[in-house]
Amino acid sequence: MSQRVGVILLASFVTCFVGSCAVGTLTLVQGLVESIEHPAPPPIVEPDLSPSRSEPPSSEPDDTLTTPEPAAPEPTDTASSDDFFSPSLATAEYAVFHVDRPKKDPLKTLRAAVKGTRLTVYEGAAPDEAIPPYLTLRVLTTDEYPLATGATLDDGAWLPPALKKSVKASKEVSVIDAVLPPHELDALLSVDLVMLAYATATGGALWDEESQNYYGPADWKARRIASWDKKLPDALNHFTVFTDANDRTETLKTSGLNQFALPELELKGVPVELESLAISMVNALAQTTIEAGAALQPGPHTLRLGDLKHRTRREDELTGLGDDAQQEVELILVGKLVDDEPVLELTFPGAGAPGDRIAAGLQSLYGTQN
């Protein structure tokens, strides 16, 4: 689940991430904990964190064949790797980089924060018999769990300047891993609330390993807690859409959907001028799936904007539609494993070049854009 070191190594990705707030503070829930290993991540890039439909694009070249064999046709039916699997649990990794060594015992502080919830806290690793939802706590040095610096930290939109400066001297970090039952959104809200309480009590900057974002306590509260609409999260505040681009096309890929027990999503061959609309579509697909409380599997899928329930997400997606918008699009989801992690690649049925089919699909969903 971890991709943080890649942020330090590569600053060529641009993150597009659409977010807004809706009011909601909900009750904490209780749980149980397991230790999740902190692997070295693939290289990624600094989040731009301002994902509107009008942002400038970046791109990635189309794949080409190196042999005279004809190109394989784009999938028009259910296609999937035999090794593909849908996540059975929701998992997440968070950290608090302490500005000063915590004056309170970290384990006692975290256990105090989960009181009144279903969450249970384990120190180090969870026992084999642990049943989700639970948390594990590791207190490490920043030599063992380095601060993601460079543009990730310096350009972090949700970290106050004073905290951004002081956190660079951090020597100690609390790493908290979460293991949650699939599709139990109240457990995720409990984790968000507990992380805020723990960071406030121990002092420091919050780090979300999944979406690769830093937060100060106030911005964590606004984006990760207050943005809930009753029992529904504004999901795009929990994941990031990264873009890998060149001067022709780009690839979009999410990071952080494992917090919802979902495979990551990928869309290849997006014409650069359609980047913002394509990101909006990926966000809408994630949001509707999370709201439905169901697994997302390979095969045909119909995305309908009318299925959105979260008030702010729905208003945002339905704003600026063309007069010819059908507000729905047919997709084919192709399952595969990337670095042993499940990914669903979004493709569009029909004939023609991939870019043309993407353009037609986005026009069906959002209508002609001026």
Protein backbone atom coordinates (compact mmCIF):
# COMPACT_ATOMS: atom_id res chain seq x y z
CA MET A 1 0.00 0.00 0.00
CA SER A 2 2.99 2.29 0.44
CA GLN A 3 4.31 4.66 -2.23
CA ARG A 4 5.99 7.38 -0.21
CA VAL A 5 9.63 6.96 -1.10
CA GLY A 6 8.67 7.40 -4.75
CA VAL A 7 7.59 10.93 -4.01
CA ILE A 8 11.15 11.74 -2.98
CA LEU A 9 12.61 10.07 -6.07
CA LEU A 10 10.38 11.42 -8.82
CA ALA A 11 8.63 14.76 -9.18
CA SER A 12 7.32 14.35 -12.70
CA PHE A 13 3.82 13.17 -11.87
CA VAL A 14 1.14 15.71 -11.36
CA THR A 15 -1.60 14.92 -8.95
CA CYS A 16 -5.11 15.87 -9.73
CA PHE A 17 -7.44 15.52 -6.86
CA VAL A 18 -10.88 16.93 -6.59
CA GLY A 19 -12.18 17.76 -3.15
CA SER A 20 -14.71 19.82 -1.34
CA CYS A 21 -16.32 19.77 2.06
CA ALA A 22 -19.72 18.78 3.28
CA VAL A 23 -20.67 18.89 6.90
CA GLY A 24 -20.58 15.77 9.01
CA THR A 25 -19.09 14.70 12.25
CA LEU A 26 -20.03 11.21 13.19
CA THR A 27 -19.58 8.92 16.13
CA LEU A 28 -16.46 6.90 16.70
CA VAL A 29 -16.53 3.18 16.29
CA GLN A 30 -14.51 0.39 17.97
CA GLY A 31 -12.06 -2.19 16.50
CA LEU A 32 -8.95 -4.35 16.60
CA VAL A 33 -5.32 -3.97 15.11
CA GLU A 34 -2.73 -5.61 12.92
CA SER A 35 0.75 -4.59 11.83
CA ILE A 36 1.11 -3.77 8.17
CA GLU A 37 4.59 -3.83 6.69
CA HIS A 38 5.96 -0.57 5.35
CA PRO A 39 7.42 -1.58 1.95
CA ALA A 40 9.57 0.54 -0.28
CA PRO A 41 7.22 2.20 -2.81
CA PRO A 42 7.27 2.65 -6.56
CA PRO A 43 8.22 6.15 -7.67
CA ILE A 44 5.40 8.64 -7.82
CA VAL A 45 5.07 12.31 -7.87
CA GLU A 46 4.05 15.27 -6.00
CA PRO A 47 0.36 15.89 -5.71
CA ASP A 48 -0.99 19.08 -7.29
CA LEU A 49 -4.12 18.59 -5.15
CA SER A 50 -6.32 20.96 -7.11
CA PRO A 51 -8.29 18.78 -9.49
CA SER A 52 -10.77 20.78 -11.50
CA ARG A 53 -12.06 19.85 -14.91
CA SER A 54 -10.12 22.74 -16.40
CA GLU A 55 -6.60 22.06 -15.13
CA PRO A 56 -3.72 21.79 -17.61
CA PRO A 57 -2.94 18.24 -18.65
CA SER A 58 0.13 16.05 -18.74
CA SER A 59 0.55 12.89 -20.77
CA GLU A 60 2.02 9.49 -21.53
CA PRO A 61 2.85 7.96 -24.94
CA ASP A 62 0.68 5.31 -26.51
CA ASP A 63 2.09 1.82 -26.30
CA THR A 64 3.60 0.61 -29.59
CA LEU A 65 4.56 -2.82 -30.86
CA THR A 66 8.17 -3.70 -31.46
CA THR A 67 7.35 -6.56 -33.86
CA PRO A 68 5.47 -6.61 -37.16
CA GLU A 69 2.59 -8.45 -35.50
CA PRO A 70 -0.75 -6.62 -35.72
CA ALA A 71 -1.86 -4.75 -32.61
CA ALA A 72 -4.08 -6.67 -30.24
CA PRO A 73 -7.64 -5.33 -30.25
CA GLU A 74 -8.88 -3.32 -27.32
CA PRO A 75 -10.96 -5.46 -24.99
CA THR A 76 -14.68 -5.36 -25.77
CA ASP A 77 -15.79 -7.98 -23.28
CA THR A 78 -14.92 -9.04 -19.77
CA ALA A 79 -11.15 -9.36 -19.58
CA SER A 80 -9.10 -10.16 -16.53
CA SER A 81 -5.85 -11.62 -15.36
CA ASP A 82 -6.31 -15.05 -13.82
CA ASP A 83 -4.41 -13.71 -10.81
CA PHE A 84 -6.69 -10.72 -10.22
CA PHE A 85 -8.40 -10.54 -6.84
CA SER A 86 -10.65 -8.03 -5.15
CA PRO A 87 -9.41 -6.86 -1.72
CA SER A 88 -11.11 -8.67 1.15
CA LEU A 89 -10.27 -6.02 3.77
CA ALA A 90 -9.86 -2.26 3.86
CA THR A 91 -6.30 -1.30 4.80
CA ALA A 92 -4.53 1.99 5.39
CA GLU A 93 -1.28 3.36 6.75
CA TYR A 94 -0.95 6.71 8.49
CA ALA A 95 1.85 8.46 10.34
CA VAL A 96 2.32 11.38 12.68
CA PHE A 97 5.74 13.03 12.36
CA HIS A 98 6.33 14.55 15.77
CA VAL A 99 7.73 18.05 15.97
CA ASP A 100 8.91 17.27 19.50
CA ARG A 101 9.18 13.97 21.29
CA PRO A 102 5.67 13.21 22.61
CA LYS A 103 5.36 14.00 26.30
CA LYS A 104 2.60 11.42 26.70
CA ASP A 105 3.12 7.70 26.18
CA PRO A 106 2.10 7.06 22.52
CA LEU A 107 0.46 3.69 23.15
CA LYS A 108 -1.59 4.96 26.09
CA THR A 109 -2.55 8.04 24.09
CA LEU A 110 -3.77 6.01 21.13
CA ARG A 111 -5.71 3.63 23.35
CA ALA A 112 -7.35 6.59 25.04
CA ALA A 113 -8.30 7.99 21.61
CA VAL A 114 -10.15 4.81 20.57
CA LYS A 115 -12.32 4.62 23.70
CA GLY A 116 -15.98 4.54 22.77
CA THR A 117 -15.24 3.06 19.34
CA ARG A 118 -15.02 -0.47 18.00
CA LEU A 119 -11.30 -0.03 17.38
CA THR A 120 -8.69 -2.00 19.31
CA VAL A 121 -5.04 -0.99 19.44
CA TYR A 122 -2.08 -3.40 19.28
CA GLU A 123 1.51 -2.45 19.82
CA GLY A 124 3.77 -3.56 16.98
CA ALA A 125 2.04 -6.47 15.26
CA ALA A 126 -1.50 -7.70 15.71
CA PRO A 127 -1.97 -11.33 16.78
CA ASP A 128 -3.00 -13.85 14.14
CA GLU A 129 -6.46 -14.13 15.70
CA ALA A 130 -7.12 -10.36 15.54
CA ILE A 131 -10.46 -9.52 13.96
CA PRO A 132 -10.99 -6.19 12.12
CA PRO A 133 -11.47 -3.35 12.73
CA TYR A 134 -8.17 -2.72 14.52
CA LEU A 135 -5.07 -0.53 14.58
CA THR A 136 -1.40 -1.22 15.15
CA LEU A 137 1.13 1.29 16.45
CA ARG A 138 4.86 1.43 15.77
CA VAL A 139 6.97 4.26 17.14
CA LEU A 140 10.00 4.63 14.86
CA THR A 141 12.77 7.04 14.13
CA THR A 142 12.74 9.08 10.94
CA ASP A 143 15.79 7.08 9.86
CA GLU A 144 13.57 4.00 9.86
CA TYR A 145 10.54 5.75 8.37
CA PRO A 146 11.82 8.81 6.50
CA LEU A 147 9.94 12.03 6.06
CA ALA A 148 8.75 12.45 2.47
CA THR A 149 10.48 15.70 1.57
CA GLY A 150 10.94 17.66 -1.64
CA ALA A 151 7.85 18.91 -3.41
CA THR A 152 5.60 16.52 -1.45
CA LEU A 153 6.35 18.46 1.72
CA ASP A 154 7.23 21.90 0.38
CA ASP A 155 4.15 22.16 -1.85
CA GLY A 156 1.80 20.41 0.55
CA ALA A 157 -1.43 22.38 0.36
CA TRP A 158 -2.83 21.21 3.67
CA LEU A 159 0.13 21.76 5.97
CA PRO A 160 0.49 25.16 7.67
CA PRO A 161 3.78 26.94 6.82
CA ALA A 162 5.03 26.89 10.42
CA LEU A 163 4.37 23.15 10.77
CA LYS A 164 5.82 22.51 7.32
CA LYS A 165 9.06 24.14 8.45
CA SER A 166 9.29 22.61 11.92
CA VAL A 167 8.40 19.06 10.91
CA LYS A 168 11.59 18.80 8.85
CA ALA A 169 13.48 18.43 12.13
CA SER A 170 11.34 15.47 13.27
CA LYS A 171 13.27 12.60 14.82
CA GLU A 172 10.36 10.38 15.84
CA VAL A 173 7.29 9.16 13.99
CA SER A 174 4.22 7.18 15.03
CA VAL A 175 3.13 4.78 12.29
CA ILE A 176 -0.47 3.60 12.61
CA ASP A 177 -1.82 0.87 10.36
CA ALA A 178 -5.54 0.20 10.07
CA VAL A 179 -7.29 -3.02 9.08
CA LEU A 180 -11.04 -2.65 8.64
CA PRO A 181 -13.94 -4.80 7.47
CA PRO A 182 -14.81 -4.12 3.82
CA HIS A 183 -17.45 -1.48 3.10
CA GLU A 184 -17.91 -0.47 6.77
CA LEU A 185 -17.61 3.27 6.32
CA ASP A 186 -18.27 4.07 9.96
CA ALA A 187 -15.05 2.24 10.86
CA LEU A 188 -13.10 4.46 8.45
CA LEU A 189 -14.64 7.59 9.97
CA SER A 190 -13.61 6.33 13.39
CA VAL A 191 -10.03 5.99 12.18
CA ASP A 192 -10.09 9.53 10.78
CA LEU A 193 -11.33 10.86 14.13
CA VAL A 194 -8.80 8.83 16.12
CA MET A 195 -5.91 10.05 13.94
CA LEU A 196 -6.95 13.65 14.56
CA ALA A 197 -7.17 13.09 18.32
CA TYR A 198 -3.80 11.33 18.39
CA ALA A 199 -2.00 13.97 16.31
CA THR A 200 -3.47 16.75 18.45
CA ALA A 201 -2.41 15.03 21.68
CA THR A 202 1.13 14.16 20.55
CA GLY A 203 1.88 17.11 18.25
CA GLY A 204 3.02 16.84 14.66
CA ALA A 205 2.10 16.56 11.00
CA LEU A 206 -0.30 13.89 9.77
CA TRP A 207 0.76 11.78 6.78
CA ASP A 208 -1.55 9.60 4.69
CA GLU A 209 0.63 6.96 3.06
CA GLU A 210 -2.15 5.89 0.70
CA SER A 211 -2.97 9.24 -0.89
CA GLN A 212 0.58 10.59 -0.33
CA ASN A 213 -0.57 13.78 1.41
CA TYR A 214 0.47 15.74 4.49
CA TYR A 215 -2.06 17.48 6.73
CA GLY A 216 -2.10 19.82 9.66
CA PRO A 217 -4.79 18.96 12.23
CA ALA A 218 -7.17 21.70 11.03
CA ASP A 219 -7.04 20.59 7.39
CA TRP A 220 -7.35 16.92 8.38
CA LYS A 221 -10.52 17.79 10.26
CA ALA A 222 -11.93 19.81 7.35
CA ARG A 223 -11.13 17.35 4.58
CA ARG A 224 -11.25 13.97 6.28
CA ILE A 225 -14.03 14.50 8.84
CA ALA A 226 -16.21 17.55 8.13
CA SER A 227 -16.54 16.58 4.45
CA TRP A 228 -18.70 13.55 5.28
CA ASP A 229 -22.36 13.86 4.30
CA LYS A 230 -24.11 12.00 7.10
CA LYS A 231 -22.73 8.47 6.72
CA LEU A 232 -21.12 9.00 3.32
CA PRO A 233 -17.50 10.14 2.84
CA ASP A 234 -16.40 12.59 0.22
CA ALA A 235 -14.21 9.78 -1.04
CA LEU A 236 -11.82 11.82 -3.13
CA ASN A 237 -10.50 13.34 0.09
CA HIS A 238 -9.14 9.87 0.87
CA PHE A 239 -7.44 9.05 -2.41
CA THR A 240 -5.37 10.78 -5.09
CA VAL A 241 -5.45 10.56 -8.88
CA PHE A 242 -1.90 10.70 -10.22
CA THR A 243 -1.19 11.52 -13.87
CA ASP A 244 1.73 10.27 -15.93
CA ALA A 245 1.94 12.19 -19.15
CA ASN A 246 3.91 13.23 -22.20
CA ASP A 247 2.97 15.51 -25.08
CA ARG A 248 0.45 13.08 -26.57
CA THR A 249 -1.59 11.14 -24.01
CA GLU A 250 -1.61 10.42 -20.31
CA THR A 251 -2.33 7.64 -17.85
CA LEU A 252 -4.44 8.24 -14.76
CA LYS A 253 -4.07 6.02 -11.72
CA THR A 254 -5.59 6.24 -8.26
CA SER A 255 -3.77 5.72 -4.97
CA GLY A 256 -5.68 5.12 -1.76
CA LEU A 257 -8.79 3.14 -2.73
CA ASN A 258 -7.52 0.26 -0.58
CA GLN A 259 -8.93 2.32 2.33
CA PHE A 260 -12.32 1.25 0.92
CA ALA A 261 -11.37 -2.36 0.10
CA LEU A 262 -11.34 -1.48 -3.61
CA PRO A 263 -8.77 -2.13 -6.35
CA GLU A 264 -6.97 0.93 -7.66
CA LEU A 265 -8.31 2.35 -10.96
CA GLU A 266 -6.30 3.07 -14.09
CA LEU A 267 -7.20 4.81 -17.35
CA LYS A 268 -4.68 4.81 -20.20
CA GLY A 269 -4.43 6.82 -23.39
CA VAL A 270 -6.36 9.90 -22.23
CA PRO A 271 -6.00 12.78 -24.72
CA VAL A 272 -4.34 15.62 -22.82
CA GLU A 273 -7.21 18.03 -23.47
CA LEU A 274 -9.61 15.62 -21.74
CA GLU A 275 -7.59 15.17 -18.53
CA SER A 276 -9.92 17.07 -16.21
CA LEU A 277 -13.08 15.36 -17.46
CA ALA A 278 -11.38 11.96 -17.23
CA ILE A 279 -10.34 12.65 -13.62
CA SER A 280 -13.92 13.66 -12.81
CA MET A 281 -15.14 10.36 -14.27
CA VAL A 282 -12.65 8.35 -12.19
CA ASN A 283 -13.75 10.22 -9.07
CA ALA A 284 -17.42 9.58 -9.86
CA LEU A 285 -16.80 5.87 -10.43
CA ALA A 286 -15.00 5.55 -7.09
CA GLN A 287 -17.66 7.56 -5.23
CA THR A 288 -20.65 5.64 -6.59
CA THR A 289 -18.96 2.30 -5.89
CA ILE A 290 -18.10 3.28 -2.30
CA GLU A 291 -21.64 4.55 -1.71
CA ALA A 292 -23.09 1.30 -3.06
CA GLY A 293 -21.03 -0.67 -0.53
CA ALA A 294 -20.13 -3.29 -3.11
CA ALA A 295 -16.99 -4.81 -4.57
CA LEU A 296 -15.87 -3.60 -7.99
CA GLN A 297 -15.17 -6.54 -10.30
CA PRO A 298 -13.87 -6.98 -13.86
CA GLY A 299 -16.46 -6.84 -16.60
CA PRO A 300 -19.07 -4.45 -18.02
CA HIS A 301 -20.10 -1.55 -15.77
CA THR A 302 -22.51 1.35 -16.20
CA LEU A 303 -21.53 4.59 -14.48
CA ARG A 304 -24.48 6.91 -13.82
CA LEU A 305 -24.06 10.38 -12.34
CA GLY A 306 -27.60 10.12 -11.03
CA ASP A 307 -26.46 7.36 -8.65
CA LEU A 308 -24.33 9.81 -6.63
CA LYS A 309 -25.74 10.33 -3.13
CA HIS A 310 -23.13 12.54 -1.43
CA ARG A 311 -24.60 16.04 -1.76
CA THR A 312 -21.39 17.90 -2.58
CA ARG A 313 -20.09 15.25 -4.96
CA ARG A 314 -23.41 15.12 -6.77
CA GLU A 315 -23.62 18.91 -7.12
CA ASP A 316 -20.05 19.12 -8.37
CA GLU A 317 -20.49 16.37 -10.96
CA LEU A 318 -23.77 17.78 -12.27
CA THR A 319 -22.45 21.34 -12.61
CA GLY A 320 -21.47 22.47 -16.11
CA LEU A 321 -22.94 19.54 -18.02
CA GLY A 322 -23.49 20.02 -21.74
CA ASP A 323 -27.03 20.05 -23.08
CA ASP A 324 -26.41 16.69 -24.75
CA ALA A 325 -25.11 14.97 -21.61
CA GLN A 326 -26.57 11.48 -21.13
CA GLN A 327 -25.12 11.43 -17.57
CA GLU A 328 -24.08 7.82 -17.98
CA VAL A 329 -21.42 5.83 -19.76
CA GLU A 330 -20.68 2.16 -20.44
CA LEU A 331 -17.30 0.91 -19.28
CA ILE A 332 -15.43 -2.36 -19.35
CA LEU A 333 -13.21 -3.00 -16.33
CA VAL A 334 -10.16 -5.16 -16.95
CA GLY A 335 -8.59 -6.74 -13.89
CA LYS A 336 -4.83 -7.16 -13.50
CA LEU A 337 -2.07 -7.14 -10.91
CA VAL A 338 0.50 -4.35 -10.79
CA ASP A 339 3.33 -4.97 -8.32
CA ASP A 340 1.12 -7.71 -6.82
CA GLU A 341 -1.67 -5.21 -6.14
CA PRO A 342 -5.11 -5.47 -7.81
CA VAL A 343 -5.87 -2.83 -10.43
CA LEU A 344 -8.92 -2.34 -12.63
CA GLU A 345 -8.17 -0.71 -15.96
CA LEU A 346 -11.04 1.34 -17.38
CA THR A 347 -11.73 0.77 -21.07
CA PHE A 348 -14.57 1.80 -23.38
CA PRO A 349 -16.49 -0.56 -25.67
CA GLY A 350 -16.88 0.01 -29.37
CA ALA A 351 -14.69 0.51 -32.41
CA GLY A 352 -12.08 3.12 -33.14
CA ALA A 353 -8.87 4.34 -31.54
CA PRO A 354 -8.71 4.34 -27.73
CA GLY A 355 -8.57 8.14 -27.56
CA ASP A 356 -11.66 8.45 -29.74
CA ARG A 357 -13.59 6.00 -27.58
CA ILE A 358 -12.55 7.85 -24.42
CA ALA A 359 -13.72 11.14 -25.97
CA ALA A 360 -17.06 9.60 -26.95
CA GLY A 361 -17.54 8.10 -23.50
CA LEU A 362 -16.81 11.38 -21.71
CA GLN A 363 -19.16 13.23 -24.05
CA SER A 364 -21.91 10.73 -23.21
CA LEU A 365 -21.31 11.29 -19.51
CA TYR A 366 -20.77 15.07 -19.38
CA GLY A 367 -21.99 16.31 -22.74
CA THR A 368 -20.19 18.66 -25.12
CA GLN A 369 -17.94 21.03 -23.20
CA ASN A 370 -17.43 24.63 -24.31
